[in-house]
Amino acid sequence: MARITTEEKEQKKKMMDERIFQLFLSEGWEAVTYDRLAKELNLRKSSIQSYYPKSIAFATALQGRIFPIVIQKLNFKSKQQFIESWLAAYSDEQCHIFKEVVKMLLNNIIKSSTSPHSLKAIMRLQNLLAQNIGEEEAGKTIKIVLGETLYIQMQQ
């Protein structure tokens, strides 16, 4: 079997990243699975696993593309406005992307080893908020919204 070139490997990764991104946008994080990708891309699961060794690695396909969408939904001016905008965005059925991102982050955080990408995303939000309300208050606020979100998720 012939080996693929570095360029072909990069093209294949871009193609898989794009499908992951589209699946995520249209159906959410739970739709992004090895089985689903293998079927839709007509690839073996083992081929996909060579690019994404664990399912959490699918999140790399979303890097740089989702954060701008998420922060548009949030108001960073005050603690209360941030909390209210977070909860409103999470409950907005018209735009499920925010909820899907938060669910993905929570799933990744709860796992035994938190993904560095998930941690980085949370810290980016906290740092943006800290610019307006200070570091300590931003940390407390992030804890509040994550707790509120987890509580809402438990009730669904």
Protein backbone atom coordinates (compact mmCIF):
# COMPACT_ATOMS: atom_id res chain seq x y z
CA MET A 1 0.00 0.00 0.00
CA ALA A 2 1.43 3.37 -1.02
CA ARG A 3 2.09 5.98 1.64
CA ILE A 4 0.41 9.33 1.22
CA THR A 5 2.47 12.48 0.94
CA THR A 6 2.52 15.17 3.61
CA GLU A 7 0.44 17.37 1.32
CA GLU A 8 -2.15 14.62 0.80
CA LYS A 9 -2.28 14.02 4.55
CA GLU A 10 -2.89 17.74 5.18
CA GLN A 11 -5.64 17.80 2.54
CA LYS A 12 -7.28 14.75 4.08
CA LYS A 13 -7.13 16.35 7.53
CA LYS A 14 -8.68 19.56 6.18
CA MET A 15 -11.46 17.55 4.54
CA MET A 16 -12.18 15.71 7.81
CA ASP A 17 -11.98 18.95 9.81
CA GLU A 18 -14.53 20.55 7.50
CA ARG A 19 -16.94 17.61 7.84
CA ILE A 20 -16.56 17.67 11.62
CA PHE A 21 -17.26 21.41 11.63
CA GLN A 22 -20.35 21.04 9.42
CA LEU A 23 -21.68 18.12 11.48
CA PHE A 24 -21.15 20.10 14.65
CA LEU A 25 -22.97 23.14 13.27
CA SER A 26 -25.92 21.19 11.91
CA GLU A 27 -26.38 18.43 14.49
CA GLY A 28 -24.19 19.14 17.49
CA TRP A 29 -21.25 17.52 19.25
CA GLU A 30 -22.93 14.15 19.82
CA ALA A 31 -23.21 13.65 16.05
CA VAL A 32 -19.44 13.80 15.65
CA THR A 33 -18.38 10.16 16.06
CA TYR A 34 -15.88 7.82 14.43
CA ASP A 35 -18.73 5.74 13.00
CA ARG A 36 -20.51 8.74 11.52
CA LEU A 37 -17.35 10.19 9.99
CA ALA A 38 -16.27 6.83 8.59
CA LYS A 39 -19.65 6.39 6.92
CA GLU A 40 -19.92 9.92 5.54
CA LEU A 41 -16.31 10.20 4.39
CA ASN A 42 -16.09 6.61 3.16
CA LEU A 43 -13.02 5.95 5.32
CA ARG A 44 -12.05 3.28 7.79
CA LYS A 45 -12.33 4.23 11.44
CA SER A 46 -8.66 3.35 11.86
CA SER A 47 -7.78 5.95 9.22
CA ILE A 48 -9.72 8.60 11.10
CA GLN A 49 -8.11 7.52 14.37
CA SER A 50 -4.68 8.16 12.90
CA TYR A 51 -5.67 11.85 12.67
CA TYR A 52 -7.81 11.98 15.81
CA PRO A 53 -6.50 9.36 18.30
CA LYS A 54 -9.30 10.11 20.80
CA SER A 55 -12.73 11.53 20.08
CA ILE A 56 -11.86 14.63 22.09
CA ALA A 57 -9.37 15.43 19.33
CA PHE A 58 -12.32 16.16 17.01
CA ALA A 59 -12.48 19.50 18.84
CA THR A 60 -9.29 20.56 17.05
CA ALA A 61 -11.39 20.83 13.87
CA LEU A 62 -13.38 23.59 15.57
CA GLN A 63 -10.41 25.65 16.71
CA GLY A 64 -10.51 29.25 15.66
CA ARG A 65 -13.94 28.85 14.09
CA ILE A 66 -16.31 28.51 17.02
CA PHE A 67 -14.95 30.99 19.56
CA PRO A 68 -15.92 34.06 17.46
CA ILE A 69 -19.49 32.72 17.21
CA VAL A 70 -19.68 32.09 20.95
CA ILE A 71 -18.39 35.45 22.13
CA GLN A 72 -20.92 37.30 19.96
CA LYS A 73 -23.60 35.92 22.26
CA LEU A 74 -21.98 37.20 25.46
CA ASN A 75 -22.01 40.57 27.19
CA PHE A 76 -18.70 41.15 28.99
CA LYS A 77 -19.57 44.56 30.51
CA SER A 78 -20.50 43.34 34.00
CA LYS A 79 -20.79 40.18 36.04
CA GLN A 80 -24.59 40.23 35.92
CA GLN A 81 -24.76 40.99 32.20
CA PHE A 82 -22.32 38.17 31.49
CA ILE A 83 -24.33 35.67 33.54
CA GLU A 84 -27.62 36.75 31.95
CA SER A 85 -26.21 36.66 28.42
CA TRP A 86 -24.62 33.23 29.05
CA LEU A 87 -27.87 31.73 30.32
CA ALA A 88 -29.89 33.35 27.51
CA ALA A 89 -27.47 32.04 24.87
CA TYR A 90 -27.50 28.57 26.43
CA SER A 91 -31.31 28.50 26.33
CA ASP A 92 -31.65 29.97 22.82
CA GLU A 93 -33.21 27.23 20.69
CA GLN A 94 -32.72 29.31 17.53
CA CYS A 95 -28.95 29.12 17.88
CA HIS A 96 -27.95 25.76 19.30
CA ILE A 97 -24.25 26.30 18.63
CA PHE A 98 -23.59 28.06 21.94
CA LYS A 99 -25.25 25.24 23.86
CA GLU A 100 -23.34 22.62 21.89
CA VAL A 101 -20.02 24.34 22.56
CA VAL A 102 -20.72 24.58 26.28
CA LYS A 103 -21.85 20.94 26.44
CA MET A 104 -18.67 19.90 24.64
CA LEU A 105 -16.55 21.95 27.04
CA LEU A 106 -18.31 20.48 30.07
CA ASN A 107 -17.93 16.93 28.73
CA ASN A 108 -14.24 17.51 28.10
CA ILE A 109 -13.67 19.10 31.50
CA ILE A 110 -15.46 16.33 33.39
CA LYS A 111 -13.34 13.61 31.78
CA SER A 112 -10.34 12.44 33.77
CA SER A 113 -7.86 14.54 31.83
CA THR A 114 -9.16 17.91 30.74
CA SER A 115 -8.36 18.78 27.16
CA PRO A 116 -5.88 21.66 26.99
CA HIS A 117 -8.08 23.13 24.23
CA SER A 118 -11.11 23.20 26.54
CA LEU A 119 -9.11 24.74 29.34
CA LYS A 120 -7.69 27.34 26.95
CA ALA A 121 -11.20 28.28 25.75
CA ILE A 122 -12.47 28.76 29.31
CA MET A 123 -9.41 30.83 30.21
CA ARG A 124 -9.89 33.00 27.12
CA LEU A 125 -13.45 33.77 28.20
CA GLN A 126 -12.30 34.47 31.74
CA ASN A 127 -9.54 36.80 30.52
CA LEU A 128 -11.96 38.74 28.30
CA LEU A 129 -14.33 39.14 31.22
CA ALA A 130 -11.48 40.12 33.56
CA GLN A 131 -10.75 43.14 31.37
CA ASN A 132 -14.05 44.63 32.59
CA ILE A 133 -14.61 43.21 36.06
CA GLY A 134 -11.19 42.14 37.31
CA GLU A 135 -9.48 38.77 37.51
CA GLU A 136 -10.93 37.53 40.79
CA GLU A 137 -14.50 38.48 39.91
CA ALA A 138 -14.13 36.96 36.43
CA GLY A 139 -13.01 33.65 37.95
CA LYS A 140 -16.01 33.61 40.27
CA THR A 141 -18.35 34.47 37.40
CA ILE A 142 -17.05 31.67 35.19
CA LYS A 143 -17.58 29.24 38.08
CA ILE A 144 -21.15 30.51 38.44
CA VAL A 145 -22.05 30.11 34.76
CA LEU A 146 -20.46 26.66 34.51
CA GLY A 147 -22.31 25.58 37.65
CA GLU A 148 -25.61 27.02 36.39
CA THR A 149 -25.11 25.31 33.06
CA LEU A 150 -24.37 21.97 34.69
CA TYR A 151 -27.47 22.34 36.85
CA ILE A 152 -29.65 23.14 33.82
CA GLN A 153 -28.17 20.17 31.95
CA MET A 154 -28.95 17.84 34.87
CA GLN A 155 -32.61 18.82 34.69
CA GLN A 156 -32.99 18.07 30.98
